[in-house]
Protein backbone atom coordinates (compact mmCIF):
# COMPACT_ATOMS: atom_id res chain seq x y z
CA MET A 1 0.06 0.06 -0.07
CA LYS A 2 1.09 3.58 -0.84
CA LEU A 3 0.30 6.82 0.74
CA ILE A 4 0.15 9.81 -2.04
CA THR A 5 0.54 13.22 -0.63
CA ALA A 6 -0.10 15.79 -3.54
CA ILE A 7 0.02 19.61 -3.05
CA VAL A 8 -2.30 21.21 -5.41
CA ASN A 9 -3.28 24.70 -6.23
CA LYS A 10 -6.29 25.82 -4.70
CA GLU A 11 -7.89 26.99 -8.11
CA ASP A 12 -7.32 23.20 -9.33
CA SER A 13 -8.19 21.42 -6.04
CA LYS A 14 -11.97 21.02 -6.64
CA THR A 15 -11.70 19.38 -10.06
CA VAL A 16 -8.80 17.07 -9.08
CA ASN A 17 -10.69 16.02 -5.96
CA ALA A 18 -13.93 15.25 -7.96
CA GLU A 19 -11.92 13.50 -10.73
CA LEU A 20 -10.11 11.24 -8.05
CA ILE A 21 -13.17 10.22 -6.27
CA GLN A 22 -15.03 9.37 -9.46
CA ALA A 23 -12.19 7.24 -10.25
CA GLY A 24 -12.66 5.29 -6.95
CA PHE A 25 -10.12 6.92 -4.85
CA THR A 26 -10.43 8.12 -1.29
CA VAL A 27 -9.18 11.55 -0.92
CA THR A 28 -8.57 13.54 2.46
CA ARG A 29 -8.29 17.14 1.89
CA LEU A 30 -6.32 19.77 4.06
CA ALA A 31 -6.12 23.35 3.26
CA THR A 32 -2.37 24.63 3.49
CA THR A 33 -0.58 27.78 2.41
CA GLY A 34 2.61 27.70 0.22
CA GLY A 35 5.73 29.39 1.68
CA PHE A 36 7.02 31.51 -1.07
CA LEU A 37 3.71 33.10 -2.38
CA MET A 38 1.77 32.67 0.80
CA ALA A 39 -0.75 31.25 -1.92
CA GLY A 40 -3.49 29.03 -0.93
CA ASN A 41 -2.97 25.17 -1.63
CA VAL A 42 -4.84 22.15 -0.87
CA THR A 43 -2.90 19.17 0.28
CA MET A 44 -4.44 15.89 -0.75
CA LEU A 45 -3.83 12.51 1.06
CA VAL A 46 -4.57 9.20 -0.99
CA GLY A 47 -4.02 5.90 0.44
CA THR A 48 -4.09 3.26 -2.48
CA GLU A 49 -2.80 0.06 -3.62
CA ASP A 50 0.54 -0.11 -5.36
CA GLU A 51 -0.84 -0.85 -8.76
CA LYS A 52 -2.94 2.09 -8.73
CA VAL A 53 -0.43 4.73 -7.80
CA ASP A 54 0.33 5.40 -11.57
CA GLU A 55 -3.43 5.92 -12.21
CA CYS A 56 -3.81 8.32 -9.55
CA ILE A 57 -0.45 10.51 -10.18
CA SER A 58 -2.01 10.58 -13.99
CA ILE A 59 -5.27 12.00 -12.76
CA ILE A 60 -3.61 14.69 -10.45
CA SER A 61 -1.30 15.69 -13.42
CA LYS A 62 -4.09 15.88 -16.03
CA PHE A 63 -6.13 18.52 -13.85
CA SER A 64 -3.35 20.29 -12.20
CA ARG A 65 -2.16 22.78 -14.56
CA GLN A 66 0.72 25.11 -14.37
CA ARG A 67 -0.18 29.13 -15.16
CA THR A 68 1.75 32.42 -15.16
CA GLU A 69 0.91 35.24 -12.39
CA VAL A 70 2.30 38.56 -11.88
CA VAL A 71 2.81 39.25 -8.26
CA PRO A 72 4.19 42.20 -6.53
CA SER A 73 7.54 42.17 -5.30
CA THR A 74 10.04 44.37 -3.42
CA ALA A 75 13.77 45.02 -3.82
CA SER A 76 16.17 47.01 -1.38
CA TYR A 77 18.86 48.97 -2.77
CA GLY A 78 20.33 49.94 0.53
CA VAL A 79 19.34 51.45 3.89
CA GLY A 80 15.75 52.75 3.58
CA VAL A 81 15.71 52.39 -0.48
CA THR A 82 13.15 49.77 -1.35
CA THR A 83 11.05 49.80 -4.63
CA ALA A 84 8.16 47.57 -5.77
CA PHE A 85 8.03 46.01 -8.98
CA PRO A 86 5.61 43.26 -10.56
CA LEU A 87 7.43 39.79 -10.69
CA GLU A 88 6.08 37.00 -13.19
CA VAL A 89 6.11 33.47 -11.41
CA THR A 90 4.89 30.06 -12.34
CA VAL A 91 2.18 28.86 -10.21
CA GLY A 92 -0.17 25.84 -10.29
CA GLY A 93 0.73 22.23 -11.10
CA ALA A 94 1.26 19.73 -8.22
CA THR A 95 4.06 18.41 -6.07
CA ILE A 96 3.38 14.71 -5.37
CA PHE A 97 5.08 12.46 -2.87
CA VAL A 98 4.59 8.73 -2.76
CA THR A 99 5.55 6.71 0.43
CA ASN A 100 5.21 3.22 1.57
CA VAL A 101 2.75 2.42 4.27
CA GLU A 102 3.76 -0.24 6.56
CA ARG A 103 0.50 -0.52 8.33
CA PHE A 104 -3.10 0.32 7.45
CA GLU A 105 -6.08 0.09 9.99
CA LYS A 106 -9.45 1.64 9.75
CA VAL A 107 -11.15 1.72 12.98
């Protein structure tokens, strides 16, 4: 058995969750915040059999799209001298971890 931990952008999370459930996966969702952009994410926990890992990752990949956003940024040029300028960053997609589960119990 494997535990798939997928960190998905908040905008994609509802679609990813619905598609995983439709495919027969059980999903636990946790609201999380990214450290770099302080943007909303959803961390999904999916427990599944070894042979279904690729199917799960395929669904997450298909419905988690990357996109470019412009965010405000500041730069410091010395003591008391700062300026704000827009910074283009890539957001979205998914970060996926697959770990072995030694023991699983549902009580």
